[in-house]
Each structure stands twice: as structure tokens, then as C-alpha cells.
Amino acid sequence: MNLHIANRLLQLRKERGLSQEDLADQLGISRQAVSKWERAEASPDTDNLICLAKLYNVSLDYLLQTEDSIETIKTEQIKKEEVI
């Protein structure tokens, strides 16, 4: 996941006064999953993105907005796959 998006998820959670545990409970996932999203180590799946957008009352476009080029996004993805 893009670091800007991860930071946006962190900011939105904090603006709503939620702990990682609170958010995880609302989404039915682990606190560790939320932590990984916010550190750009993993990405929420589509269902969780939809839930996050509804919970935060923002659009999916806003959640996923990035200035990165397609090439940059592809390069970051390749680097992550090489680590795995």
C-alpha cells in the first residue's frame, strides 16, 4: 500500500477518536491488520475499503487518492512481492 494512503487511514481513524482495537472490532478483523494498513505493510481488501469509506463518511476515491504514477505504483508492488 502507498504510504500516503496508509497515513490517510491513520488520520481518519484518529479524527474519529478510534483506537486500532476499536476499528478492528467494528470491521471484524484483528488489530494487527489495522496496524499493517497504517504502516503500509498490507492493504485492506475491497470489502474493508467499502466499510472504511462508509464508517468515515468519505468516498473510495478519497481513501485511495494518490499522486503516484502508474509506474511508481507498479514498482512498489514488485518490490513488495520480491520480499515475500
Protein backbone atom coordinates (compact mmCIF):
# COMPACT_ATOMS: atom_id res chain seq x y z
CA MET A 1 0.00 0.00 0.00
CA ASN A 2 1.05 3.54 -0.72
CA LEU A 3 2.39 5.42 2.32
CA HIS A 4 0.12 8.43 1.64
CA ILE A 5 -2.94 6.19 1.70
CA ALA A 6 -1.73 4.49 4.88
CA ASN A 7 -1.28 7.88 6.53
CA ARG A 8 -4.76 8.92 5.39
CA LEU A 9 -6.25 5.81 7.03
CA LEU A 10 -4.38 6.60 10.24
CA GLN A 11 -5.52 10.23 10.18
CA LEU A 12 -9.17 9.34 9.57
CA ARG A 13 -9.16 6.80 12.41
CA LYS A 14 -7.63 9.29 14.84
CA GLU A 15 -10.03 12.06 13.76
CA ARG A 16 -12.90 9.75 14.70
CA GLY A 17 -11.33 9.06 18.10
CA LEU A 18 -10.97 5.34 17.41
CA SER A 19 -8.19 3.10 18.62
CA GLN A 20 -6.88 0.41 16.31
CA GLU A 21 -8.72 -2.08 18.50
CA ASP A 22 -11.99 -0.12 18.20
CA LEU A 23 -11.73 -0.03 14.41
CA ALA A 24 -10.79 -3.69 14.21
CA ASP A 25 -13.81 -4.63 16.33
CA GLN A 26 -16.14 -2.62 14.07
CA LEU A 27 -14.74 -4.31 10.96
CA GLY A 28 -14.48 -7.79 12.47
CA ILE A 29 -10.75 -8.05 11.88
CA SER A 30 -7.61 -8.10 14.03
CA ARG A 31 -5.93 -5.03 15.46
CA GLN A 32 -2.76 -6.25 13.76
CA ALA A 33 -4.44 -5.96 10.35
CA VAL A 34 -5.29 -2.31 11.03
CA SER A 35 -1.73 -1.71 12.20
CA LYS A 36 -0.33 -3.21 8.98
CA TRP A 37 -2.58 -0.97 6.86
CA GLU A 38 -1.40 2.11 8.73
CA ARG A 39 2.26 1.14 8.29
CA ALA A 40 1.74 0.44 4.56
CA GLU A 41 2.68 -3.21 5.06
CA ALA A 42 -0.66 -4.52 3.79
CA SER A 43 -3.77 -3.24 2.05
CA PRO A 44 -7.41 -3.57 3.09
CA ASP A 45 -9.45 -5.84 0.83
CA THR A 46 -12.30 -4.39 -1.19
CA ASP A 47 -14.96 -5.17 1.41
CA ASN A 48 -12.95 -3.48 4.15
CA LEU A 49 -12.30 -0.45 1.94
CA ILE A 50 -16.04 -0.08 1.39
CA CYS A 51 -16.67 -0.37 5.13
CA LEU A 52 -13.94 2.18 5.89
CA ALA A 53 -15.41 4.65 3.41
CA LYS A 54 -18.87 4.27 4.95
CA LEU A 55 -17.55 4.44 8.51
CA TYR A 56 -15.53 7.58 7.81
CA ASN A 57 -18.22 9.05 5.53
CA VAL A 58 -15.77 9.57 2.65
CA SER A 59 -15.62 8.26 -0.90
CA LEU A 60 -13.49 5.36 -2.04
CA ASP A 61 -11.80 7.84 -4.36
CA TYR A 62 -10.76 9.90 -1.35
CA LEU A 63 -9.47 6.86 0.53
CA LEU A 64 -7.38 5.67 -2.41
CA GLN A 65 -6.31 9.01 -3.87
CA THR A 66 -2.61 9.19 -4.74
CA GLU A 67 -0.35 11.39 -6.80
CA ASP A 68 1.90 8.43 -7.68
CA SER A 69 2.22 7.44 -11.30
CA ILE A 70 1.22 4.01 -12.52
CA GLU A 71 4.90 3.19 -12.95
CA THR A 72 5.66 4.09 -9.33
CA ILE A 73 2.76 2.01 -8.06
CA LYS A 74 3.88 -0.97 -10.16
CA THR A 75 7.47 -0.63 -8.97
CA GLU A 76 6.40 -0.54 -5.31
CA GLN A 77 4.25 -3.64 -5.83
CA ILE A 78 7.14 -5.53 -7.45
CA LYS A 79 9.43 -4.64 -4.54
CA LYS A 80 6.86 -5.97 -2.03
CA GLU A 81 6.43 -9.20 -3.99
CA GLU A 82 10.20 -9.74 -4.03
CA VAL A 83 10.28 -9.52 -0.24
CA ILE A 84 7.61 -12.20 0.04
